[in-house]
Amino acid sequence: MVEEKKPGKALGAEPARLAELVAYQDGAVVSRALVNQKAGTVTLFAFDAGQGLSEHTAPFDALVFLLEGEAEIAIGGQPHRLQAGEIILMPANIPHAVKAQTRFKMLLIMIRS
């Protein structure tokens, strides 16, 4: 996975288009942290087609919102096909995996408290 670091102005109290804050990279998964606080994180991801994250667990609930494209998100072994504009909750401590059916971008919101 590639962590994207944007030069110049940091995300602040001004409007921004989410999908434009992270760019696709051939053959890679790119991430950009928008918020990283003790209470939780907000991270943007851009997945090239066919890329994914292998099955893993997290100790906190995570909410996924698809901004573009299509993805398969397996939660507890059950696959879910999501399209742009859809949202799904990945419950804490339940194994989940992500696979890009097409290039897609998602916003991941993890609440730690």
C-alpha atoms as a PDB file:
ATOM      1  CA  MET A   1       0.000   0.000   0.000  1.00  0.00           C
ATOM      2  CA  VAL A   2       1.212   3.477  -0.865  1.00  0.00           C
ATOM      3  CA  GLU A   3       0.595   6.371   1.501  1.00  0.00           C
ATOM      4  CA  GLU A   4       0.004   9.530  -0.465  1.00  0.00           C
ATOM      5  CA  LYS A   5       1.471  12.720   0.924  1.00  0.00           C
ATOM      6  CA  LYS A   6       0.145  15.857  -0.691  1.00  0.00           C
ATOM      7  CA  PRO A   7       2.527  18.794  -0.954  1.00  0.00           C
ATOM      8  CA  GLY A   8       1.301  22.303  -0.283  1.00  0.00           C
ATOM      9  CA  LYS A   9      -1.785  23.293   1.630  1.00  0.00           C
ATOM     10  CA  ALA A  10      -3.155  20.832   4.191  1.00  0.00           C
ATOM     11  CA  LEU A  11      -6.807  19.914   4.313  1.00  0.00           C
ATOM     12  CA  GLY A  12      -8.471  22.590   6.374  1.00  0.00           C
ATOM     13  CA  ALA A  13     -11.717  24.387   6.984  1.00  0.00           C
ATOM     14  CA  GLU A  14     -12.432  24.831   3.278  1.00  0.00           C
ATOM     15  CA  PRO A  15     -14.600  22.822   0.877  1.00  0.00           C
ATOM     16  CA  ALA A  16     -12.933  19.917  -0.907  1.00  0.00           C
ATOM     17  CA  ARG A  17     -14.066  17.183  -3.292  1.00  0.00           C
ATOM     18  CA  LEU A  18     -13.263  13.886  -1.547  1.00  0.00           C
ATOM     19  CA  ALA A  19     -12.567  11.879  -4.698  1.00  0.00           C
ATOM     20  CA  GLU A  20     -10.003  14.466  -5.812  1.00  0.00           C
ATOM     21  CA  LEU A  21      -7.959  14.210  -2.595  1.00  0.00           C
ATOM     22  CA  VAL A  22      -6.460  10.819  -3.498  1.00  0.00           C
ATOM     23  CA  ALA A  23      -5.191   9.593  -6.884  1.00  0.00           C
ATOM     24  CA  TYR A  24      -5.156   6.149  -8.467  1.00  0.00           C
ATOM     25  CA  GLN A  25      -1.790   4.484  -9.010  1.00  0.00           C
ATOM     26  CA  ASP A  26      -1.385   1.537 -11.402  1.00  0.00           C
ATOM     27  CA  GLY A  27      -1.156  -1.779  -9.547  1.00  0.00           C
ATOM     28  CA  ALA A  28      -1.475  -0.220  -6.101  1.00  0.00           C
ATOM     29  CA  VAL A  29      -3.666   0.750  -3.189  1.00  0.00           C
ATOM     30  CA  VAL A  30      -3.121   4.387  -2.213  1.00  0.00           C
ATOM     31  CA  SER A  31      -4.212   5.862   1.118  1.00  0.00           C
ATOM     32  CA  ARG A  32      -4.380   9.378   2.491  1.00  0.00           C
ATOM     33  CA  ALA A  33      -5.168  10.119   6.136  1.00  0.00           C
ATOM     34  CA  LEU A  34      -7.511  13.080   6.469  1.00  0.00           C
ATOM     35  CA  VAL A  35      -8.022  12.850  10.243  1.00  0.00           C
ATOM     36  CA  ASN A  36      -5.878  10.915  12.715  1.00  0.00           C
ATOM     37  CA  GLN A  37      -7.036  11.549  16.262  1.00  0.00           C
ATOM     38  CA  LYS A  38      -7.227   9.559  19.475  1.00  0.00           C
ATOM     39  CA  ALA A  39     -11.014   9.218  19.003  1.00  0.00           C
ATOM     40  CA  GLY A  40     -10.752   7.896  15.450  1.00  0.00           C
ATOM     41  CA  THR A  41      -9.479   8.190  11.903  1.00  0.00           C
ATOM     42  CA  VAL A  42     -10.801   9.219   8.503  1.00  0.00           C
ATOM     43  CA  THR A  43      -8.814   7.814   5.575  1.00  0.00           C
ATOM     44  CA  LEU A  44      -9.288   7.995   1.810  1.00  0.00           C
ATOM     45  CA  PHE A  45      -8.275   5.030  -0.356  1.00  0.00           C
ATOM     46  CA  ALA A  46      -7.846   4.591  -4.109  1.00  0.00           C
ATOM     47  CA  PHE A  47      -7.651   0.953  -5.308  1.00  0.00           C
ATOM     48  CA  ASP A  48      -6.543  -0.022  -8.799  1.00  0.00           C
ATOM     49  CA  ALA A  49      -8.693  -2.749 -10.393  1.00  0.00           C
ATOM     50  CA  GLY A  50      -7.878  -6.184  -8.962  1.00  0.00           C
ATOM     51  CA  GLN A  51      -6.069  -4.790  -5.919  1.00  0.00           C
ATOM     52  CA  GLY A  52      -7.252  -5.387  -2.379  1.00  0.00           C
ATOM     53  CA  LEU A  53      -6.596  -5.801   1.303  1.00  0.00           C
ATOM     54  CA  SER A  54      -6.340  -9.356   2.605  1.00  0.00           C
ATOM     55  CA  GLU A  55      -8.590 -10.585   5.387  1.00  0.00           C
ATOM     56  CA  HIS A  56      -7.860  -8.961   8.727  1.00  0.00           C
ATOM     57  CA  THR A  57      -9.644  -7.676  11.829  1.00  0.00           C
ATOM     58  CA  ALA A  58      -9.744  -4.312  13.561  1.00  0.00           C
ATOM     59  CA  PRO A  59     -10.560  -3.655  17.207  1.00  0.00           C
ATOM     60  CA  PHE A  60     -13.026  -0.877  16.280  1.00  0.00           C
ATOM     61  CA  ASP A  61     -16.076  -0.472  14.042  1.00  0.00           C
ATOM     62  CA  ALA A  62     -15.284   0.961  10.622  1.00  0.00           C
ATOM     63  CA  LEU A  63     -17.690   2.600   8.213  1.00  0.00           C
ATOM     64  CA  VAL A  64     -16.886   2.385   4.482  1.00  0.00           C
ATOM     65  CA  PHE A  65     -18.382   4.778   1.925  1.00  0.00           C
ATOM     66  CA  LEU A  66     -17.679   4.113  -1.774  1.00  0.00           C
ATOM     67  CA  LEU A  67     -17.037   7.299  -3.733  1.00  0.00           C
ATOM     68  CA  GLU A  68     -16.314   5.770  -7.160  1.00  0.00           C
ATOM     69  CA  GLY A  69     -16.290   2.357  -8.836  1.00  0.00           C
ATOM     70  CA  GLU A  70     -17.190  -1.084  -7.488  1.00  0.00           C
ATOM     71  CA  ALA A  71     -15.736  -3.229  -4.707  1.00  0.00           C
ATOM     72  CA  GLU A  72     -16.353  -6.514  -2.982  1.00  0.00           C
ATOM     73  CA  ILE A  73     -16.114  -6.306   0.788  1.00  0.00           C
ATOM     74  CA  ALA A  74     -16.261  -9.611   2.632  1.00  0.00           C
ATOM     75  CA  ILE A  75     -17.335  -9.404   6.267  1.00  0.00           C
ATOM     76  CA  GLY A  76     -17.249 -12.571   8.330  1.00  0.00           C
ATOM     77  CA  GLY A  77     -16.789 -14.556   5.107  1.00  0.00           C
ATOM     78  CA  GLN A  78     -19.916 -13.093   3.463  1.00  0.00           C
ATOM     79  CA  PRO A  79     -19.175 -11.076   0.296  1.00  0.00           C
ATOM     80  CA  HIS A  80     -20.962  -7.773  -0.324  1.00  0.00           C
ATOM     81  CA  ARG A  81     -20.782  -5.999  -3.702  1.00  0.00           C
ATOM     82  CA  LEU A  82     -20.798  -2.229  -3.308  1.00  0.00           C
ATOM     83  CA  GLN A  83     -21.091   0.535  -5.887  1.00  0.00           C
ATOM     84  CA  ALA A  84     -20.412   4.263  -5.733  1.00  0.00           C
ATOM     85  CA  GLY A  85     -22.745   5.954  -3.268  1.00  0.00           C
ATOM     86  CA  GLU A  86     -23.182   2.892  -1.028  1.00  0.00           C
ATOM     87  CA  ILE A  87     -22.038   2.440   2.550  1.00  0.00           C
ATOM     88  CA  ILE A  88     -21.355  -0.564   4.803  1.00  0.00           C
ATOM     89  CA  LEU A  89     -20.325  -1.084   8.423  1.00  0.00           C
ATOM     90  CA  MET A  90     -17.452  -3.445   9.189  1.00  0.00           C
ATOM     91  CA  PRO A  91     -18.008  -4.437  12.848  1.00  0.00           C
ATOM     92  CA  ALA A  92     -15.115  -4.582  15.293  1.00  0.00           C
ATOM     93  CA  ASN A  93     -13.271  -7.907  15.624  1.00  0.00           C
ATOM     94  CA  ILE A  94     -15.031  -9.507  12.619  1.00  0.00           C
ATOM     95  CA  PRO A  95     -12.655 -10.560   9.800  1.00  0.00           C
ATOM     96  CA  HIS A  96     -13.046  -8.489   6.648  1.00  0.00           C
ATOM     97  CA  ALA A  97     -11.324  -8.147   3.272  1.00  0.00           C
ATOM     98  CA  VAL A  98     -11.553  -5.689   0.380  1.00  0.00           C
ATOM     99  CA  LYS A  99     -11.171  -6.406  -3.357  1.00  0.00           C
ATOM    100  CA  ALA A 100     -11.483  -3.919  -6.231  1.00  0.00           C
ATOM    101  CA  GLN A 101     -13.866  -5.123  -8.939  1.00  0.00           C
ATOM    102  CA  THR A 102     -13.035  -1.917 -10.850  1.00  0.00           C
ATOM    103  CA  ARG A 103     -10.874   0.985  -9.849  1.00  0.00           C
ATOM    104  CA  PHE A 104     -12.579   2.468  -6.833  1.00  0.00           C
ATOM    105  CA  LYS A 105     -12.204   5.062  -4.114  1.00  0.00           C
ATOM    106  CA  MET A 106     -13.537   4.769  -0.595  1.00  0.00           C
ATOM    107  CA  LEU A 107     -13.680   6.785   2.582  1.00  0.00           C
ATOM    108  CA  LEU A 108     -12.975   4.762   5.748  1.00  0.00           C
ATOM    109  CA  ILE A 109     -14.184   6.174   9.064  1.00  0.00           C
ATOM    110  CA  MET A 110     -12.975   4.348  12.171  1.00  0.00           C
ATOM    111  CA  ILE A 111     -14.288   5.340  15.587  1.00  0.00           C
ATOM    112  CA  ARG A 112     -12.006   4.299  18.440  1.00  0.00           C
ATOM    113  CA  SER A 113     -14.092   5.298  21.430  1.00  0.00           C
END
